[in-house]
Amino acid sequence: YKHYNYWTERGVVHDKPDLFYGNMRAAGRTQPLKQ
């Protein structure tokens, strides 16, 4: 919980993460890394 609320607590813009994948679920699966 603390890990995935790190940026919320600091008021930094971010996207909601997925458990374990973070913001990387699509990368290398459904879209190229660069995307």
Full PDB file with SEQRES, HELIX, SHEET, SSBOND, CRYST1, ORIGX, SCALE, CONECT and MASTER records, all heavy atoms in Angstrom:
SEQRES   1 A   35  TYR LYS HIS TYR ASN TYR TRP THR GLU ARG GLY VAL VAL          
SEQRES   2 A   35  HIS ASP LYS PRO ASP LEU PHE TYR GLY ASN MET ARG ALA          
SEQRES   3 A   35  ALA GLY ARG THR GLN PRO LEU LYS GLN                          
HELIX    1 AA1 HIS A    3  ASN A    5  5                                   3    
HELIX    2 AA2 TYR A    6  GLU A    9  1                                   4    
CRYST1    1.000    1.000    1.000  90.00  90.00  90.00 P 1           1          
ORIGX1      1.000000  0.000000  0.000000        0.00000                         
ORIGX2      0.000000  1.000000  0.000000        0.00000                         
ORIGX3      0.000000  0.000000  1.000000        0.00000                         
SCALE1      1.000000  0.000000  0.000000        0.00000                         
SCALE2      0.000000  1.000000  0.000000        0.00000                         
SCALE3      0.000000  0.000000  1.000000        0.00000                         
ATOM      1  N   TYR A   1       0.844  -1.209   0.000  1.00  0.00           N  
ATOM      2  CA  TYR A   1       0.000   0.000   0.000  1.00  0.00           C  
ATOM      3  C   TYR A   1       0.874   1.251   0.000  1.00  0.00           C  
ATOM      4  O   TYR A   1       0.648   2.191  -0.777  1.00  0.00           O  
ATOM      5  CB  TYR A   1      -0.913  -0.016   1.229  1.00  0.00           C  
ATOM      6  CG  TYR A   1      -1.639   1.291   1.447  1.00  0.00           C  
ATOM      7  CD1 TYR A   1      -2.799   1.596   0.728  1.00  0.00           C  
ATOM      8  CD2 TYR A   1      -1.154   2.239   2.364  1.00  0.00           C  
ATOM      9  CE1 TYR A   1      -3.464   2.799   0.915  1.00  0.00           C  
ATOM     10  CE2 TYR A   1      -1.817   3.444   2.560  1.00  0.00           C  
ATOM     11  CZ  TYR A   1      -2.964   3.723   1.830  1.00  0.00           C  
ATOM     12  OH  TYR A   1      -3.610   4.920   2.014  1.00  0.00           O  
ATOM     13  N   LYS A   2       1.898   1.281   0.875  1.00  0.00           N  
ATOM     14  CA  LYS A   2       2.790   2.442   0.961  1.00  0.00           C  
ATOM     15  C   LYS A   2       3.546   2.639  -0.353  1.00  0.00           C  
ATOM     16  O   LYS A   2       3.716   3.770  -0.828  1.00  0.00           O  
ATOM     17  CB  LYS A   2       3.791   2.263   2.108  1.00  0.00           C  
ATOM     18  CG  LYS A   2       3.199   2.408   3.481  1.00  0.00           C  
ATOM     19  CD  LYS A   2       2.750   3.840   3.773  1.00  0.00           C  
ATOM     20  CE  LYS A   2       3.910   4.790   3.972  1.00  0.00           C  
ATOM     21  NZ  LYS A   2       3.471   6.159   4.300  1.00  0.00           N  
ATOM     22  N   HIS A   3       4.002   1.526  -0.922  1.00  0.00           N  
ATOM     23  CA  HIS A   3       4.766   1.607  -2.173  1.00  0.00           C  
ATOM     24  C   HIS A   3       3.921   2.230  -3.284  1.00  0.00           C  
ATOM     25  O   HIS A   3       4.382   3.157  -3.974  1.00  0.00           O  
ATOM     26  CB  HIS A   3       5.235   0.212  -2.593  1.00  0.00           C  
ATOM     27  CG  HIS A   3       5.904   0.168  -3.922  1.00  0.00           C  
ATOM     28  ND1 HIS A   3       7.148   0.711  -4.147  1.00  0.00           N  
ATOM     29  CD2 HIS A   3       5.502  -0.345  -5.124  1.00  0.00           C  
ATOM     30  CE1 HIS A   3       7.492   0.531  -5.415  1.00  0.00           C  
ATOM     31  NE2 HIS A   3       6.511  -0.110  -6.029  1.00  0.00           N  
ATOM     32  N   TYR A   4       2.707   1.732  -3.454  1.00  0.00           N  
ATOM     33  CA  TYR A   4       1.872   2.195  -4.552  1.00  0.00           C  
ATOM     34  C   TYR A   4       1.111   3.493  -4.249  1.00  0.00           C  
ATOM     35  O   TYR A   4       0.329   3.952  -5.074  1.00  0.00           O  
ATOM     36  CB  TYR A   4       0.914   1.096  -4.997  1.00  0.00           C  
ATOM     37  CG  TYR A   4       1.618  -0.005  -5.766  1.00  0.00           C  
ATOM     38  CD1 TYR A   4       1.512  -1.341  -5.381  1.00  0.00           C  
ATOM     39  CD2 TYR A   4       2.414   0.296  -6.874  1.00  0.00           C  
ATOM     40  CE1 TYR A   4       2.166  -2.342  -6.088  1.00  0.00           C  
ATOM     41  CE2 TYR A   4       3.075  -0.691  -7.576  1.00  0.00           C  
ATOM     42  CZ  TYR A   4       2.949  -2.011  -7.180  1.00  0.00           C  
ATOM     43  OH  TYR A   4       3.612  -3.000  -7.884  1.00  0.00           O  
ATOM     44  N   ASN A   5       1.348   4.059  -3.058  1.00  0.00           N  
ATOM     45  CA  ASN A   5       0.793   5.385  -2.744  1.00  0.00           C  
ATOM     46  C   ASN A   5       1.899   6.426  -2.621  1.00  0.00           C  
ATOM     47  O   ASN A   5       1.646   7.555  -2.201  1.00  0.00           O  
ATOM     48  CB  ASN A   5      -0.014   5.330  -1.439  1.00  0.00           C  
ATOM     49  CG  ASN A   5      -1.442   4.863  -1.673  1.00  0.00           C  
ATOM     50  OD1 ASN A   5      -2.325   5.638  -2.009  1.00  0.00           O  
ATOM     51  ND2 ASN A   5      -1.630   3.571  -1.530  1.00  0.00           N  
ATOM     52  N   TYR A   6       3.099   6.030  -2.992  1.00  0.00           N  
ATOM     53  CA  TYR A   6       4.273   6.891  -2.825  1.00  0.00           C  
ATOM     54  C   TYR A   6       4.092   8.227  -3.537  1.00  0.00           C  
ATOM     55  O   TYR A   6       4.293   9.289  -2.947  1.00  0.00           O  
ATOM     56  CB  TYR A   6       5.509   6.167  -3.363  1.00  0.00           C  
ATOM     57  CG  TYR A   6       6.797   6.932  -3.193  1.00  0.00           C  
ATOM     58  CD1 TYR A   6       7.515   6.871  -2.015  1.00  0.00           C  
ATOM     59  CD2 TYR A   6       7.294   7.722  -4.230  1.00  0.00           C  
ATOM     60  CE1 TYR A   6       8.708   7.577  -1.855  1.00  0.00           C  
ATOM     61  CE2 TYR A   6       8.475   8.433  -4.088  1.00  0.00           C  
ATOM     62  CZ  TYR A   6       9.181   8.354  -2.897  1.00  0.00           C  
ATOM     63  OH  TYR A   6      10.349   9.054  -2.749  1.00  0.00           O  
ATOM     64  N   TRP A   7       3.676   8.198  -4.791  1.00  0.00           N  
ATOM     65  CA  TRP A   7       3.568   9.447  -5.558  1.00  0.00           C  
ATOM     66  C   TRP A   7       2.321  10.234  -5.180  1.00  0.00           C  
ATOM     67  O   TRP A   7       2.317  11.465  -5.230  1.00  0.00           O  
ATOM     68  CB  TRP A   7       3.601   9.161  -7.053  1.00  0.00           C  
ATOM     69  CG  TRP A   7       4.905   8.584  -7.496  1.00  0.00           C  
ATOM     70  CD1 TRP A   7       5.119   7.373  -8.094  1.00  0.00           C  
ATOM     71  CD2 TRP A   7       6.196   9.193  -7.350  1.00  0.00           C  
ATOM     72  NE1 TRP A   7       6.465   7.185  -8.317  1.00  0.00           N  
ATOM     73  CE2 TRP A   7       7.151   8.290  -7.883  1.00  0.00           C  
ATOM     74  CE3 TRP A   7       6.643  10.408  -6.811  1.00  0.00           C  
ATOM     75  CZ2 TRP A   7       8.508   8.569  -7.900  1.00  0.00           C  
ATOM     76  CZ3 TRP A   7       8.004  10.689  -6.828  1.00  0.00           C  
ATOM     77  CH2 TRP A   7       8.924   9.777  -7.364  1.00  0.00           C  
ATOM     78  N   THR A   8       1.263   9.542  -4.761  1.00  0.00           N  
ATOM     79  CA  THR A   8       0.060  10.230  -4.288  1.00  0.00           C  
ATOM     80  C   THR A   8       0.379  11.068  -3.051  1.00  0.00           C  
ATOM     81  O   THR A   8      -0.026  12.241  -2.944  1.00  0.00           O  
ATOM     82  CB  THR A   8      -1.043   9.205  -3.943  1.00  0.00           C  
ATOM     83  OG1 THR A   8      -1.340   8.424  -5.106  1.00  0.00           O  
ATOM     84  CG2 THR A   8      -2.315   9.910  -3.482  1.00  0.00           C  
ATOM     85  N   GLU A   9       1.109  10.469  -2.107  1.00  0.00           N  
ATOM     86  CA  GLU A   9       1.468  11.159  -0.864  1.00  0.00           C  
ATOM     87  C   GLU A   9       2.333  12.389  -1.112  1.00  0.00           C  
ATOM     88  O   GLU A   9       2.328  13.334  -0.331  1.00  0.00           O  
ATOM     89  CB  GLU A   9       2.201  10.195   0.075  1.00  0.00           C  
ATOM     90  CG  GLU A   9       1.305   9.091   0.630  1.00  0.00           C  
ATOM     91  CD  GLU A   9       2.093   8.062   1.423  1.00  0.00           C  
ATOM     92  OE1 GLU A   9       3.338   8.197   1.494  1.00  0.00           O  
ATOM     93  OE2 GLU A   9       1.469   7.129   1.957  1.00  0.00           O  
ATOM     94  N   ARG A  10       3.079  12.380  -2.218  1.00  0.00           N  
ATOM     95  CA  ARG A  10       4.001  13.483  -2.500  1.00  0.00           C  
ATOM     96  C   ARG A  10       3.444  14.477  -3.505  1.00  0.00           C  
ATOM     97  O   ARG A  10       4.133  15.418  -3.910  1.00  0.00           O  
ATOM     98  CB  ARG A  10       5.343  12.912  -2.991  1.00  0.00           C  
ATOM     99  CG  ARG A  10       6.152  12.342  -1.834  1.00  0.00           C  
ATOM    100  CD  ARG A  10       7.178  11.302  -2.285  1.00  0.00           C  
ATOM    101  NE  ARG A  10       7.891  10.796  -1.109  1.00  0.00           N  
ATOM    102  CZ  ARG A  10       7.395   9.893  -0.268  1.00  0.00           C  
ATOM    103  NH1 ARG A  10       6.166   9.410  -0.459  1.00  0.00           N  
ATOM    104  NH2 ARG A  10       8.110   9.484   0.768  1.00  0.00           N  
ATOM    105  N   GLY A  11       2.219  14.265  -3.932  1.00  0.00           N  
ATOM    106  CA  GLY A  11       1.580  15.216  -4.831  1.00  0.00           C  
ATOM    107  C   GLY A  11       2.226  15.294  -6.204  1.00  0.00           C  
ATOM    108  O   GLY A  11       2.230  16.353  -6.838  1.00  0.00           O  
ATOM    109  N   VAL A  12       2.748  14.154  -6.676  1.00  0.00           N  
ATOM    110  CA  VAL A  12       3.400  14.100  -7.993  1.00  0.00           C  
ATOM    111  C   VAL A  12       2.441  13.469  -8.999  1.00  0.00           C  
ATOM    112  O   VAL A  12       1.789  12.455  -8.701  1.00  0.00           O  
ATOM    113  CB  VAL A  12       4.709  13.276  -7.919  1.00  0.00           C  
ATOM    114  CG1 VAL A  12       5.329  13.114  -9.309  1.00  0.00           C  
ATOM    115  CG2 VAL A  12       5.707  13.941  -6.971  1.00  0.00           C  
ATOM    116  N   VAL A  13       2.338  14.065 -10.187  1.00  0.00           N  
ATOM    117  CA  VAL A  13       1.445  13.506 -11.215  1.00  0.00           C  
ATOM    118  C   VAL A  13       1.869  12.080 -11.553  1.00  0.00           C  
ATOM    119  O   VAL A  13       3.061  11.774 -11.648  1.00  0.00           O  
ATOM    120  CB  VAL A  13       1.431  14.375 -12.490  1.00  0.00           C  
ATOM    121  CG1 VAL A  13       0.849  15.742 -12.200  1.00  0.00           C  
ATOM    122  CG2 VAL A  13       2.821  14.502 -13.102  1.00  0.00           C  
ATOM    123  N   HIS A  14       0.880  11.201 -11.692  1.00  0.00           N  
ATOM    124  CA  HIS A  14       1.193   9.796 -11.985  1.00  0.00           C  
ATOM    125  C   HIS A  14      -0.077   9.086 -12.441  1.00  0.00           C  
ATOM    126  O   HIS A  14      -1.189   9.609 -12.288  1.00  0.00           O  
ATOM    127  CB  HIS A  14       1.759   9.102 -10.745  1.00  0.00           C  
ATOM    128  CG  HIS A  14       0.774   8.987  -9.617  1.00  0.00           C  
ATOM    129  ND1 HIS A  14       0.443  10.065  -8.802  1.00  0.00           N  
ATOM    130  CD2 HIS A  14       0.022   7.941  -9.172  1.00  0.00           C  
ATOM    131  CE1 HIS A  14      -0.448   9.679  -7.908  1.00  0.00           C  
ATOM    132  NE2 HIS A  14      -0.733   8.404  -8.114  1.00  0.00           N  
ATOM    133  N   ASP A  15       0.093   7.889 -12.983  1.00  0.00           N  
ATOM    134  CA  ASP A  15      -1.036   7.032 -13.336  1.00  0.00           C  
ATOM    135  C   ASP A  15      -1.221   5.973 -12.255  1.00  0.00           C  
ATOM    136  O   ASP A  15      -0.254   5.567 -11.593  1.00  0.00           O  
ATOM    137  CB  ASP A  15      -0.789   6.341 -14.687  1.00  0.00           C  
ATOM    138  CG  ASP A  15      -0.945   7.287 -15.859  1.00  0.00           C  
ATOM    139  OD1 ASP A  15      -1.586   8.347 -15.680  1.00  0.00           O  
ATOM    140  OD2 ASP A  15      -0.420   6.976 -16.947  1.00  0.00           O  
ATOM    141  N   LYS A  16      -2.429   5.496 -12.109  1.00  0.00           N  
ATOM    142  CA  LYS A  16      -2.716   4.445 -11.125  1.00  0.00           C  
ATOM    143  C   LYS A  16      -1.980   3.168 -11.525  1.00  0.00           C  
ATOM    144  O   LYS A  16      -2.055   2.723 -12.673  1.00  0.00           O  
ATOM    145  CB  LYS A  16      -4.216   4.187 -11.067  1.00  0.00           C  
ATOM    146  CG  LYS A  16      -4.608   3.168 -10.010  1.00  0.00           C  
ATOM    147  CD  LYS A  16      -6.115   2.947  -9.997  1.00  0.00           C  
ATOM    148  CE  LYS A  16      -6.488   1.868  -8.969  1.00  0.00           C  
ATOM    149  NZ  LYS A  16      -7.941   1.598  -8.955  1.00  0.00           N  
ATOM    150  N   PRO A  17      -1.243   2.553 -10.594  1.00  0.00           N  
ATOM    151  CA  PRO A  17      -0.481   1.356 -10.934  1.00  0.00           C  
ATOM    152  C   PRO A  17      -1.286   0.061 -10.787  1.00  0.00           C  
ATOM    153  O   PRO A  17      -2.307   0.030 -10.082  1.00  0.00           O  
ATOM    154  CB  PRO A  17       0.658   1.378  -9.911  1.00  0.00           C  
ATOM    155  CG  PRO A  17       0.034   2.013  -8.698  1.00  0.00           C  
ATOM    156  CD  PRO A  17      -0.959   3.027  -9.218  1.00  0.00           C  
ATOM    157  N   ASP A  18      -0.820  -0.996 -11.439  1.00  0.00           N  
ATOM    158  CA  ASP A  18      -1.355  -2.344 -11.244  1.00  0.00           C  
ATOM    159  C   ASP A  18      -0.443  -3.088 -10.277  1.00  0.00           C  
ATOM    160  O   ASP A  18       0.773  -2.874 -10.258  1.00  0.00           O  
ATOM    161  CB  ASP A  18      -1.397  -3.108 -12.579  1.00  0.00           C  
ATOM    162  CG  ASP A  18      -2.422  -2.524 -13.536  1.00  0.00           C  
ATOM    163  OD1 ASP A  18      -3.507  -2.158 -13.073  1.00  0.00           O  
ATOM    164  OD2 ASP A  18      -2.123  -2.448 -14.738  1.00  0.00           O  
ATOM    165  N   LEU A  19      -1.029  -3.974  -9.488  1.00  0.00           N  
ATOM    166  CA  LEU A  19      -0.253  -4.743  -8.521  1.00  0.00           C  
ATOM    167  C   LEU A  19       0.868  -5.509  -9.224  1.00  0.00           C  
ATOM    168  O   LEU A  19       0.630  -6.195 -10.221  1.00  0.00           O  
ATOM    169  CB  LEU A  19      -1.180  -5.713  -7.783  1.00  0.00           C  
ATOM    170  CG  LEU A  19      -0.560  -6.499  -6.612  1.00  0.00           C  
ATOM    171  CD1 LEU A  19      -0.121  -5.536  -5.502  1.00  0.00           C  
ATOM    172  CD2 LEU A  19      -1.564  -7.514  -6.067  1.00  0.00           C  
ATOM    173  N   PHE A  20       2.073  -5.380  -8.700  1.00  0.00           N  
ATOM    174  CA  PHE A  20       3.296  -6.020  -9.198  1.00  0.00           C  
ATOM    175  C   PHE A  20       3.791  -5.437 -10.522  1.00  0.00           C  
ATOM    176  O   PHE A  20       4.984  -5.223 -10.706  1.00  0.00           O  
ATOM    177  CB  PHE A  20       3.137  -7.540  -9.324  1.00  0.00           C  
ATOM    178  CG  PHE A  20       2.811  -8.204  -8.025  1.00  0.00           C  
ATOM    179  CD1 PHE A  20       1.675  -8.986  -7.889  1.00  0.00           C  
ATOM    180  CD2 PHE A  20       3.625  -8.028  -6.912  1.00  0.00           C  
ATOM    181  CE1 PHE A  20       1.369  -9.607  -6.685  1.00  0.00           C  
ATOM    182  CE2 PHE A  20       3.325  -8.629  -5.696  1.00  0.00           C  
ATOM    183  CZ  PHE A  20       2.192  -9.425  -5.578  1.00  0.00           C  
ATOM    184  N   TYR A  21       2.876  -5.175 -11.467  1.00  0.00           N  
ATOM    185  CA  TYR A  21       3.301  -4.637 -12.764  1.00  0.00           C  
ATOM    186  C   TYR A  21       3.578  -3.130 -12.703  1.00  0.00           C  
ATOM    187  O   TYR A  21       4.271  -2.586 -13.565  1.00  0.00           O  
ATOM    188  CB  TYR A  21       2.239  -4.897 -13.833  1.00  0.00           C  
ATOM    189  CG  TYR A  21       2.139  -6.345 -14.235  1.00  0.00           C  
ATOM    190  CD1 TYR A  21       1.133  -7.164 -13.717  1.00  0.00           C  
ATOM    191  CD2 TYR A  21       3.043  -6.905 -15.137  1.00  0.00           C  
ATOM    192  CE1 TYR A  21       1.033  -8.505 -14.081  1.00  0.00           C  
ATOM    193  CE2 TYR A  21       2.939  -8.239 -15.511  1.00  0.00           C  
ATOM    194  CZ  TYR A  21       1.938  -9.038 -14.975  1.00  0.00           C  
ATOM    195  OH  TYR A  21       1.848 -10.356 -15.339  1.00  0.00           O  
ATOM    196  N   GLY A  22       3.010  -2.458 -11.714  1.00  0.00           N  
ATOM    197  CA  GLY A  22       3.148  -1.012 -11.673  1.00  0.00           C  
ATOM    198  C   GLY A  22       2.478  -0.389 -12.879  1.00  0.00           C  
ATOM    199  O   GLY A  22       1.314  -0.683 -13.192  1.00  0.00           O  
ATOM    200  N   ASN A  23       3.213   0.452 -13.619  1.00  0.00           N  
ATOM    201  CA  ASN A  23       2.689   1.062 -14.856  1.00  0.00           C  
ATOM    202  C   ASN A  23       3.239   0.372 -16.099  1.00  0.00           C  
ATOM    203  O   ASN A  23       3.229   0.942 -17.183  1.00  0.00           O  
ATOM    204  CB  ASN A  23       3.046   2.555 -14.896  1.00  0.00           C  
ATOM    205  CG  ASN A  23       2.482   3.331 -13.727  1.00  0.00           C  
ATOM    206  OD1 ASN A  23       3.214   3.960 -12.980  1.00  0.00           O  
ATOM    207  ND2 ASN A  23       1.163   3.281 -13.543  1.00  0.00           N  
ATOM    208  N   MET A  24       3.703  -0.864 -15.924  1.00  0.00           N  
ATOM    209  CA  MET A  24       4.382  -1.576 -17.022  1.00  0.00           C  
ATOM    210  C   MET A  24       3.595  -2.765 -17.560  1.00  0.00           C  
ATOM    211  O   MET A  24       4.152  -3.582 -18.279  1.00  0.00           O  
ATOM    212  CB  MET A  24       5.757  -2.059 -16.535  1.00  0.00           C  
ATOM    213  CG  MET A  24       6.748  -0.964 -16.190  1.00  0.00           C  
ATOM    214  SD  MET A  24       7.374  -0.127 -17.655  1.00  0.00           S  
ATOM    215  CE  MET A  24       8.460  -1.404 -18.314  1.00  0.00           C  
ATOM    216  N   ARG A  25       2.332  -2.879 -17.228  1.00  0.00           N  
ATOM    217  CA  ARG A  25       1.575  -4.061 -17.656  1.00  0.00           C  
ATOM    218  C   ARG A  25       1.552  -4.208 -19.183  1.00  0.00           C  
ATOM    219  O   ARG A  25       1.729  -5.302 -19.720  1.00  0.00           O  
ATOM    220  CB  ARG A  25       0.140  -4.021 -17.121  1.00  0.00           C  
ATOM    221  CG  ARG A  25      -0.681  -5.229 -17.558  1.00  0.00           C  
ATOM    222  CD  ARG A  25      -2.086  -5.198 -16.979  1.00  0.00           C  
ATOM    223  NE  ARG A  25      -2.120  -5.578 -15.581  1.00  0.00           N  
ATOM    224  CZ  ARG A  25      -2.126  -6.833 -15.135  1.00  0.00           C  
ATOM    225  NH1 ARG A  25      -2.072  -7.841 -15.988  1.00  0.00           N  
ATOM    226  NH2 ARG A  25      -2.178  -7.079 -13.856  1.00  0.00           N  
ATOM    227  N   ALA A  26       1.327  -3.109 -19.885  1.00  0.00           N  
ATOM    228  CA  ALA A  26       1.197  -3.189 -21.349  1.00  0.00           C  
ATOM    229  C   ALA A  26       2.542  -3.302 -22.054  1.00  0.00           C  
ATOM    230  O   ALA A  26       2.645  -3.913 -23.124  1.00  0.00           O  
ATOM    231  CB  ALA A  26       0.445  -1.971 -21.869  1.00  0.00           C  
ATOM    232  N   ALA A  27       3.599  -2.725 -21.449  1.00  0.00           N  
ATOM    233  CA  ALA A  27       4.919  -2.689 -22.104  1.00  0.00           C  
ATOM    234  C   ALA A  27       5.460  -4.088 -22.322  1.00  0.00           C  
ATOM    235  O   ALA A  27       5.551  -4.886 -21.395  1.00  0.00           O  
ATOM    236  CB  ALA A  27       5.895  -1.876 -21.255  1.00  0.00           C  
ATOM    237  N   GLY A  28       5.817  -4.372 -23.566  1.00  0.00           N  
ATOM    238  CA  GLY A  28       6.361  -5.682 -23.889  1.00  0.00           C  
ATOM    239  C   GLY A  28       5.319  -6.770 -24.037  1.00  0.00           C  
ATOM    240  O   GLY A  28       5.640  -7.930 -24.281  1.00  0.00           O  
ATOM    241  N   ARG A  29       4.059  -6.393 -23.879  1.00  0.00           N  
ATOM    242  CA  ARG A  29       2.975  -7.359 -24.037  1.00  0.00           C  
ATOM    243  C   ARG A  29       2.057  -6.939 -25.189  1.00  0.00           C  
ATOM    244  O   ARG A  29       1.981  -7.598 -26.210  1.00  0.00           O  
ATOM    245  CB  ARG A  29       2.153  -7.472 -22.745  1.00  0.00           C  
ATOM    246  CG  ARG A  29       2.839  -8.268 -21.653  1.00  0.00           C  
ATOM    247  CD  ARG A  29       2.076  -8.151 -20.348  1.00  0.00           C  
ATOM    248  NE  ARG A  29       2.591  -9.087 -19.364  1.00  0.00           N  
ATOM    249  CZ  ARG A  29       1.973 -10.189 -18.983  1.00  0.00           C  
ATOM    250  NH1 ARG A  29       0.804 -10.500 -19.505  1.00  0.00           N  
ATOM    251  NH2 ARG A  29       2.512 -10.990 -18.082  1.00  0.00           N  
ATOM    252  N   THR A  30       1.339  -5.822 -24.971  1.00  0.00           N  
ATOM    253  CA  THR A  30       0.392  -5.361 -25.994  1.00  0.00           C  
ATOM    254  C   THR A  30       0.894  -4.141 -26.745  1.00  0.00           C  
ATOM    255  O   THR A  30       0.262  -3.708 -27.705  1.00  0.00           O  
ATOM    256  CB  THR A  30      -0.969  -5.036 -25.351  1.00  0.00           C  
ATOM    257  OG1 THR A  30      -0.779  -4.018 -24.354  1.00  0.00           O  
ATOM    258  CG2 THR A  30      -1.564  -6.271 -24.707  1.00  0.00           C  
ATOM    259  N   GLN A  31       2.008  -3.552 -26.281  1.00  0.00           N  
ATOM    260  CA  GLN A  31       2.570  -2.399 -26.988  1.00  0.00           C  
ATOM    261  C   GLN A  31       4.084  -2.375 -26.801  1.00  0.00           C  
ATOM    262  O   GLN A  31       4.599  -2.874 -25.793  1.00  0.00           O  
ATOM    263  CB  GLN A  31       1.948  -1.094 -26.498  1.00  0.00           C  
ATOM    264  CG  GLN A  31       2.199  -0.772 -25.053  1.00  0.00           C  
ATOM    265  CD  GLN A  31       1.534   0.521 -24.596  1.00  0.00           C  
ATOM    266  OE1 GLN A  31       2.015   1.179 -23.696  1.00  0.00           O  
ATOM    267  NE2 GLN A  31       0.410   0.895 -25.201  1.00  0.00           N  
ATOM    268  N   PRO A  32       4.810  -1.808 -27.771  1.00  0.00           N  
ATOM    269  CA  PRO A  32       6.269  -1.702 -27.624  1.00  0.00           C  
ATOM    270  C   PRO A  32       6.633  -0.864 -26.405  1.00  0.00           C  
ATOM    271  O   PRO A  32       5.856  -0.004 -25.970  1.00  0.00           O  
ATOM    272  CB  PRO A  32       6.708  -0.998 -28.920  1.00  0.00           C  
ATOM    273  CG  PRO A  32       5.583  -1.180 -29.881  1.00  0.00           C  
ATOM    274  CD  PRO A  32       4.329  -1.242 -29.051  1.00  0.00           C  
ATOM    275  N   LEU A  33       7.809  -1.103 -25.864  1.00  0.00           N  
ATOM    276  CA  LEU A  33       8.275  -0.386 -24.679  1.00  0.00           C  
ATOM    277  C   LEU A  33       8.183   1.128 -24.858  1.00  0.00           C  
ATOM    278  O   LEU A  33       7.735   1.850 -23.967  1.00  0.00           O  
ATOM    279  CB  LEU A  33       9.727  -0.792 -24.376  1.00  0.00           C  
ATOM    280  CG  LEU A  33      10.381  -0.143 -23.163  1.00  0.00           C  
ATOM    281  CD1 LEU A  33       9.711  -0.622 -21.872  1.00  0.00           C  
ATOM    282  CD2 LEU A  33      11.873  -0.455 -23.127  1.00  0.00           C  
ATOM    283  N   LYS A  34       8.561   1.610 -26.033  1.00  0.00           N  
ATOM    284  CA  LYS A  34       8.588   3.059 -26.268  1.00  0.00           C  
ATOM    285  C   LYS A  34       7.204   3.688 -26.132  1.00  0.00           C  
ATOM    286  O   LYS A  34       7.075   4.843 -25.703  1.00  0.00           O  
ATOM    287  CB  LYS A  34       9.166   3.364 -27.653  1.00  0.00           C  
ATOM    288  CG  LYS A  34       8.246   3.054 -28.830  1.00  0.00           C  
ATOM    289  CD  LYS A  34       8.917   3.328 -30.154  1.00  0.00           C  
ATOM    290  CE  LYS A  34       7.963   3.134 -31.331  1.00  0.00           C  
ATOM    291  NZ  LYS A  34       7.129   4.298 -31.592  1.00  0.00           N  
ATOM    292  N   GLN A  35       6.174   2.925 -26.477  1.00  0.00           N  
ATOM    293  CA  GLN A  35       4.824   3.474 -26.488  1.00  0.00           C  
ATOM    294  C   GLN A  35       4.340   3.823 -25.086  1.00  0.00           C  
ATOM    295  O   GLN A  35       3.667   4.845 -24.876  1.00  0.00           O  
ATOM    296  CB  GLN A  35       3.864   2.478 -27.141  1.00  0.00           C  
ATOM    297  CG  GLN A  35       2.482   3.039 -27.455  1.00  0.00           C  
ATOM    298  CD  GLN A  35       2.526   4.170 -28.470  1.00  0.00           C  
ATOM    299  OE1 GLN A  35       3.434   4.236 -29.301  1.00  0.00           O  
ATOM    300  NE2 GLN A  35       1.558   5.066 -28.388  1.00  0.00           N  
TER     301      GLN A  35                                                      
MASTER        0    0    0    2    0    0    0    6  300    1    0    3          
END                                                                             
